[in-house]
């Protein structure tokens, strides 16, 4: 299967999350990365999606 790459720009209010990075706990403590991956899996129909994040915190 060919890999497909997409660029997605998002912004969010992270006050209800435990940071960006997936904690590997199956979503017990929700993180932004976990929610983004769940949404991508749902809309893409792929079981495995990879997300690379980059941010600026000095804005």
C-alpha atoms as a PDB file:
ATOM      1  CA  UNK A   1       0.000   0.000   0.000  1.00  0.00           C
ATOM      2  CA  UNK A   2       1.295   3.453  -0.854  1.00  0.00           C
ATOM      3  CA  UNK A   3       1.853   5.906   1.964  1.00  0.00           C
ATOM      4  CA  UNK A   4      -0.068   9.128   1.850  1.00  0.00           C
ATOM      5  CA  UNK A   5       1.073  12.304   3.554  1.00  0.00           C
ATOM      6  CA  UNK A   6      -1.142  15.207   4.536  1.00  0.00           C
ATOM      7  CA  UNK A   7      -0.491  18.478   6.268  1.00  0.00           C
ATOM      8  CA  UNK A   8      -3.147  19.539   8.747  1.00  0.00           C
ATOM      9  CA  UNK A   9      -3.012  22.757  10.734  1.00  0.00           C
ATOM     10  CA  UNK A  10      -5.047  22.824  13.925  1.00  0.00           C
ATOM     11  CA  UNK A  11      -5.445  25.057  16.928  1.00  0.00           C
ATOM     12  CA  UNK A  12      -7.089  24.086  20.167  1.00  0.00           C
ATOM     13  CA  UNK A  13      -7.865  25.037  23.737  1.00  0.00           C
ATOM     14  CA  UNK A  14      -5.988  22.409  25.697  1.00  0.00           C
ATOM     15  CA  UNK A  15      -7.484  23.101  29.117  1.00  0.00           C
ATOM     16  CA  UNK A  16      -9.416  19.790  29.152  1.00  0.00           C
ATOM     17  CA  UNK A  17      -6.391  17.707  28.095  1.00  0.00           C
ATOM     18  CA  UNK A  18      -3.249  16.317  29.697  1.00  0.00           C
ATOM     19  CA  UNK A  19      -0.888  17.920  27.165  1.00  0.00           C
ATOM     20  CA  UNK A  20      -0.203  17.125  23.522  1.00  0.00           C
ATOM     21  CA  UNK A  21       1.636  13.786  23.529  1.00  0.00           C
ATOM     22  CA  UNK A  22      -0.271  10.503  23.621  1.00  0.00           C
ATOM     23  CA  UNK A  23       0.403   8.890  27.011  1.00  0.00           C
ATOM     24  CA  UNK A  24      -0.147   5.348  25.760  1.00  0.00           C
ATOM     25  CA  UNK A  25      -2.908   4.712  28.283  1.00  0.00           C
ATOM     26  CA  UNK A  26      -5.696   4.157  25.772  1.00  0.00           C
ATOM     27  CA  UNK A  27      -7.151   7.601  26.340  1.00  0.00           C
ATOM     28  CA  UNK A  28      -7.637   7.231  30.092  1.00  0.00           C
ATOM     29  CA  UNK A  29      -6.049  10.663  30.431  1.00  0.00           C
ATOM     30  CA  UNK A  30      -7.103  12.438  27.238  1.00  0.00           C
ATOM     31  CA  UNK A  31      -4.412  14.174  25.213  1.00  0.00           C
ATOM     32  CA  UNK A  32      -4.699  16.245  22.073  1.00  0.00           C
ATOM     33  CA  UNK A  33      -2.606  13.778  20.039  1.00  0.00           C
ATOM     34  CA  UNK A  34      -4.802  10.855  21.131  1.00  0.00           C
ATOM     35  CA  UNK A  35      -7.963  12.694  20.045  1.00  0.00           C
ATOM     36  CA  UNK A  36      -6.422  13.741  16.715  1.00  0.00           C
ATOM     37  CA  UNK A  37      -5.352  10.147  16.016  1.00  0.00           C
ATOM     38  CA  UNK A  38      -8.812   8.829  16.895  1.00  0.00           C
ATOM     39  CA  UNK A  39     -10.416  11.311  14.503  1.00  0.00           C
ATOM     40  CA  UNK A  40      -7.946  10.493  11.697  1.00  0.00           C
ATOM     41  CA  UNK A  41      -8.546   6.762  12.088  1.00  0.00           C
ATOM     42  CA  UNK A  42     -12.282   7.322  11.933  1.00  0.00           C
ATOM     43  CA  UNK A  43     -12.304   9.462   8.786  1.00  0.00           C
ATOM     44  CA  UNK A  44      -9.495   7.631   6.953  1.00  0.00           C
ATOM     45  CA  UNK A  45     -10.599   4.047   7.700  1.00  0.00           C
ATOM     46  CA  UNK A  46      -6.953   3.155   8.431  1.00  0.00           C
ATOM     47  CA  UNK A  47      -6.170   1.308  11.643  1.00  0.00           C
ATOM     48  CA  UNK A  48      -2.774   2.977  11.949  1.00  0.00           C
ATOM     49  CA  UNK A  49      -2.060   6.671  11.506  1.00  0.00           C
ATOM     50  CA  UNK A  50       1.078   8.558  12.467  1.00  0.00           C
ATOM     51  CA  UNK A  51       1.098  12.147  13.659  1.00  0.00           C
ATOM     52  CA  UNK A  52       4.131  14.409  13.940  1.00  0.00           C
ATOM     53  CA  UNK A  53       3.557  17.610  15.865  1.00  0.00           C
ATOM     54  CA  UNK A  54       5.370  20.917  15.850  1.00  0.00           C
ATOM     55  CA  UNK A  55       4.478  24.018  17.797  1.00  0.00           C
ATOM     56  CA  UNK A  56       5.569  27.395  19.019  1.00  0.00           C
ATOM     57  CA  UNK A  57       4.948  28.323  22.604  1.00  0.00           C
ATOM     58  CA  UNK A  58       6.314  31.864  22.528  1.00  0.00           C
ATOM     59  CA  UNK A  59       3.402  33.411  20.623  1.00  0.00           C
END
